[in-house]
Amino acid sequence: MFSRFERFLKPTATPEHPEPPAGLLGFLWHFARQAKPLFIALFVIEFFVALTDAAVPWFMGRIVTFVSAIPPDRFLAETLELESGRSATLAPERLRSMIDAYYAGRGLDRDGLPDAEQLVALGLHALAA
């Protein structure tokens, strides 16, 4: 299973200069040199992970901007034009049923609060009384 990795790295091979340099970076590079492609791959992958992490607040900001651009009284009344050319409308009754299903799936009441039994199960006896 690991034979590809075992062929890729040869940790027991004698390096050109068996004595590591005295400086910290030279010392680290001496032992990491044979895994240079792995370090480059790790850097590239982590770079894209960092870009994705940085895009999350941007994406959330776009959602907040979109939602706040429409006044609350018109939010559910307006039809949303999708990029695909289709349109979508979210009826208030449908939104309420979705919220109720979400709360019910988590054992919460209609206002999103846990019942006394759940509070006791969480060790919050003082709040359950």
C-alpha atoms as a PDB file:
ATOM      1  CA  MET A   1       0.000   0.000   0.000  1.00  0.00           C
ATOM      2  CA  PHE A   2       2.799   2.442   0.831  1.00  0.00           C
ATOM      3  CA  SER A   3       5.257   1.124  -1.745  1.00  0.00           C
ATOM      4  CA  ARG A   4       4.884   4.207  -3.954  1.00  0.00           C
ATOM      5  CA  PHE A   5       5.864   6.453  -1.052  1.00  0.00           C
ATOM      6  CA  GLU A   6       8.637   4.091  -0.038  1.00  0.00           C
ATOM      7  CA  ARG A   7      10.083   4.313  -3.556  1.00  0.00           C
ATOM      8  CA  PHE A   8       9.683   8.074  -3.652  1.00  0.00           C
ATOM      9  CA  LEU A   9      11.660   8.701  -0.468  1.00  0.00           C
ATOM     10  CA  LYS A  10      14.835   6.901   0.502  1.00  0.00           C
ATOM     11  CA  PRO A  11      15.373   7.894   4.130  1.00  0.00           C
ATOM     12  CA  THR A  12      18.300   5.506   4.572  1.00  0.00           C
ATOM     13  CA  ALA A  13      20.217   6.658   1.476  1.00  0.00           C
ATOM     14  CA  THR A  14      23.568   8.311   2.195  1.00  0.00           C
ATOM     15  CA  PRO A  15      23.394  12.014   1.213  1.00  0.00           C
ATOM     16  CA  GLU A  16      26.110  13.774  -0.806  1.00  0.00           C
ATOM     17  CA  HIS A  17      27.281  15.606   2.293  1.00  0.00           C
ATOM     18  CA  PRO A  18      26.523  13.384   5.276  1.00  0.00           C
ATOM     19  CA  GLU A  19      27.409  16.127   7.765  1.00  0.00           C
ATOM     20  CA  PRO A  20      24.509  18.623   8.192  1.00  0.00           C
ATOM     21  CA  PRO A  21      25.347  22.356   8.137  1.00  0.00           C
ATOM     22  CA  ALA A  22      25.617  24.298  11.390  1.00  0.00           C
ATOM     23  CA  GLY A  23      22.796  26.836  10.758  1.00  0.00           C
ATOM     24  CA  LEU A  24      19.172  26.046  11.581  1.00  0.00           C
ATOM     25  CA  LEU A  25      17.782  26.492   8.061  1.00  0.00           C
ATOM     26  CA  GLY A  26      20.682  24.625   6.511  1.00  0.00           C
ATOM     27  CA  PHE A  27      20.201  21.825   9.030  1.00  0.00           C
ATOM     28  CA  LEU A  28      16.465  21.564   8.264  1.00  0.00           C
ATOM     29  CA  TRP A  29      17.009  21.738   4.493  1.00  0.00           C
ATOM     30  CA  HIS A  30      19.697  19.043   4.708  1.00  0.00           C
ATOM     31  CA  PHE A  31      17.130  16.544   5.960  1.00  0.00           C
ATOM     32  CA  ALA A  32      14.122  17.824   3.970  1.00  0.00           C
ATOM     33  CA  ARG A  33      15.938  18.075   0.611  1.00  0.00           C
ATOM     34  CA  GLN A  34      14.908  14.673  -0.727  1.00  0.00           C
ATOM     35  CA  ALA A  35      11.240  15.450  -0.038  1.00  0.00           C
ATOM     36  CA  LYS A  36      11.331  18.736  -1.985  1.00  0.00           C
ATOM     37  CA  PRO A  37       8.466  17.710  -4.367  1.00  0.00           C
ATOM     38  CA  LEU A  38       6.320  16.762  -1.390  1.00  0.00           C
ATOM     39  CA  PHE A  39       6.948  20.123   0.271  1.00  0.00           C
ATOM     40  CA  ILE A  40       6.098  21.945  -2.957  1.00  0.00           C
ATOM     41  CA  ALA A  41       2.875  19.935  -3.303  1.00  0.00           C
ATOM     42  CA  LEU A  42       2.040  20.653   0.330  1.00  0.00           C
ATOM     43  CA  PHE A  43       2.634  24.369  -0.224  1.00  0.00           C
ATOM     44  CA  VAL A  44       0.396  24.447  -3.322  1.00  0.00           C
ATOM     45  CA  ILE A  45      -2.411  22.522  -1.616  1.00  0.00           C
ATOM     46  CA  GLU A  46      -2.241  24.689   1.507  1.00  0.00           C
ATOM     47  CA  PHE A  47      -2.240  27.812  -0.674  1.00  0.00           C
ATOM     48  CA  PHE A  48      -5.557  26.760  -2.237  1.00  0.00           C
ATOM     49  CA  VAL A  49      -6.958  25.858   1.187  1.00  0.00           C
ATOM     50  CA  ALA A  50      -6.012  29.349   2.401  1.00  0.00           C
ATOM     51  CA  LEU A  51      -7.692  30.920  -0.640  1.00  0.00           C
ATOM     52  CA  THR A  52     -10.836  28.932   0.084  1.00  0.00           C
ATOM     53  CA  ASP A  53     -10.758  29.988   3.746  1.00  0.00           C
ATOM     54  CA  ALA A  54     -10.338  33.614   2.697  1.00  0.00           C
ATOM     55  CA  ALA A  55     -13.261  33.330   0.272  1.00  0.00           C
ATOM     56  CA  VAL A  56     -15.745  32.288   2.978  1.00  0.00           C
ATOM     57  CA  PRO A  57     -16.064  35.790   4.551  1.00  0.00           C
ATOM     58  CA  TRP A  58     -16.276  37.295   1.070  1.00  0.00           C
ATOM     59  CA  PHE A  59     -19.069  34.884   0.148  1.00  0.00           C
ATOM     60  CA  MET A  60     -20.919  35.559   3.411  1.00  0.00           C
ATOM     61  CA  GLY A  61     -20.556  39.292   2.762  1.00  0.00           C
ATOM     62  CA  ARG A  62     -22.170  38.842  -0.642  1.00  0.00           C
ATOM     63  CA  ILE A  63     -25.083  36.999   0.965  1.00  0.00           C
ATOM     64  CA  VAL A  64     -25.513  39.712   3.616  1.00  0.00           C
ATOM     65  CA  THR A  65     -25.349  42.415   0.941  1.00  0.00           C
ATOM     66  CA  PHE A  66     -27.945  40.597  -1.124  1.00  0.00           C
ATOM     67  CA  VAL A  67     -30.299  40.095   1.815  1.00  0.00           C
ATOM     68  CA  SER A  68     -29.886  43.635   3.157  1.00  0.00           C
ATOM     69  CA  ALA A  69     -30.500  45.201  -0.267  1.00  0.00           C
ATOM     70  CA  ILE A  70     -34.157  44.203  -0.090  1.00  0.00           C
ATOM     71  CA  PRO A  71     -36.336  45.686   2.676  1.00  0.00           C
ATOM     72  CA  PRO A  72     -37.701  43.033   5.079  1.00  0.00           C
ATOM     73  CA  ASP A  73     -41.323  43.599   4.082  1.00  0.00           C
ATOM     74  CA  ARG A  74     -40.469  42.866   0.432  1.00  0.00           C
ATOM     75  CA  PHE A  75     -37.933  40.083   0.979  1.00  0.00           C
ATOM     76  CA  LEU A  76     -40.416  37.204   0.809  1.00  0.00           C
ATOM     77  CA  ALA A  77     -42.724  38.962  -1.644  1.00  0.00           C
ATOM     78  CA  GLU A  78     -40.167  39.527  -4.402  1.00  0.00           C
ATOM     79  CA  THR A  79     -39.250  36.961  -6.994  1.00  0.00           C
ATOM     80  CA  LEU A  80     -35.555  36.103  -7.198  1.00  0.00           C
ATOM     81  CA  GLU A  81     -34.192  35.900 -10.726  1.00  0.00           C
ATOM     82  CA  LEU A  82     -31.610  33.119 -10.918  1.00  0.00           C
ATOM     83  CA  GLU A  83     -28.623  33.100 -13.266  1.00  0.00           C
ATOM     84  CA  SER A  84     -30.061  30.086 -15.028  1.00  0.00           C
ATOM     85  CA  GLY A  85     -32.970  32.234 -16.215  1.00  0.00           C
ATOM     86  CA  ARG A  86     -35.425  30.652 -13.799  1.00  0.00           C
ATOM     87  CA  SER A  87     -37.059  32.494 -10.932  1.00  0.00           C
ATOM     88  CA  ALA A  88     -37.801  31.510  -7.355  1.00  0.00           C
ATOM     89  CA  THR A  89     -40.124  32.809  -4.674  1.00  0.00           C
ATOM     90  CA  LEU A  90     -40.103  31.780  -1.019  1.00  0.00           C
ATOM     91  CA  ALA A  91     -43.559  31.993   0.480  1.00  0.00           C
ATOM     92  CA  PRO A  92     -43.727  32.980   4.181  1.00  0.00           C
ATOM     93  CA  GLU A  93     -45.583  29.753   4.992  1.00  0.00           C
ATOM     94  CA  ARG A  94     -42.855  27.694   3.319  1.00  0.00           C
ATOM     95  CA  LEU A  95     -40.141  29.585   5.233  1.00  0.00           C
ATOM     96  CA  ARG A  96     -41.983  29.034   8.539  1.00  0.00           C
ATOM     97  CA  SER A  97     -42.348  25.299   7.807  1.00  0.00           C
ATOM     98  CA  MET A  98     -38.631  25.069   6.965  1.00  0.00           C
ATOM     99  CA  ILE A  99     -37.695  26.847  10.215  1.00  0.00           C
ATOM    100  CA  ASP A 100     -40.065  24.627  12.224  1.00  0.00           C
ATOM    101  CA  ALA A 101     -38.573  21.472  10.665  1.00  0.00           C
ATOM    102  CA  TYR A 102     -35.048  22.730  11.436  1.00  0.00           C
ATOM    103  CA  TYR A 103     -35.930  23.418  15.081  1.00  0.00           C
ATOM    104  CA  ALA A 104     -37.821  20.132  15.453  1.00  0.00           C
ATOM    105  CA  GLY A 105     -34.848  18.195  14.094  1.00  0.00           C
ATOM    106  CA  ARG A 106     -32.734  19.669  16.876  1.00  0.00           C
ATOM    107  CA  GLY A 107     -35.348  19.174  19.605  1.00  0.00           C
ATOM    108  CA  LEU A 108     -36.164  22.864  19.973  1.00  0.00           C
ATOM    109  CA  ASP A 109     -39.532  24.568  20.317  1.00  0.00           C
ATOM    110  CA  ARG A 110     -41.062  26.864  17.711  1.00  0.00           C
ATOM    111  CA  ASP A 111     -38.983  29.809  18.976  1.00  0.00           C
ATOM    112  CA  GLY A 112     -35.720  27.860  18.751  1.00  0.00           C
ATOM    113  CA  LEU A 113     -35.364  27.278  22.498  1.00  0.00           C
ATOM    114  CA  PRO A 114     -34.561  23.920  24.119  1.00  0.00           C
ATOM    115  CA  ASP A 115     -37.167  22.348  26.374  1.00  0.00           C
ATOM    116  CA  ALA A 116     -36.555  21.597  30.078  1.00  0.00           C
ATOM    117  CA  GLU A 117     -35.644  17.974  29.344  1.00  0.00           C
ATOM    118  CA  GLN A 118     -32.857  19.024  26.971  1.00  0.00           C
ATOM    119  CA  LEU A 119     -31.545  21.606  29.419  1.00  0.00           C
ATOM    120  CA  VAL A 120     -31.259  18.904  32.102  1.00  0.00           C
ATOM    121  CA  ALA A 121     -29.523  16.589  29.627  1.00  0.00           C
ATOM    122  CA  LEU A 122     -27.002  19.353  28.920  1.00  0.00           C
ATOM    123  CA  GLY A 123     -26.364  19.812  32.649  1.00  0.00           C
ATOM    124  CA  LEU A 124     -28.118  23.186  32.796  1.00  0.00           C
ATOM    125  CA  HIS A 125     -30.407  22.285  35.711  1.00  0.00           C
ATOM    126  CA  ALA A 126     -30.707  25.892  36.903  1.00  0.00           C
ATOM    127  CA  LEU A 127     -32.173  26.991  33.579  1.00  0.00           C
ATOM    128  CA  ALA A 128     -34.563  24.044  33.419  1.00  0.00           C
ATOM    129  CA  ALA A 129     -36.423  25.103  36.579  1.00  0.00           C
END
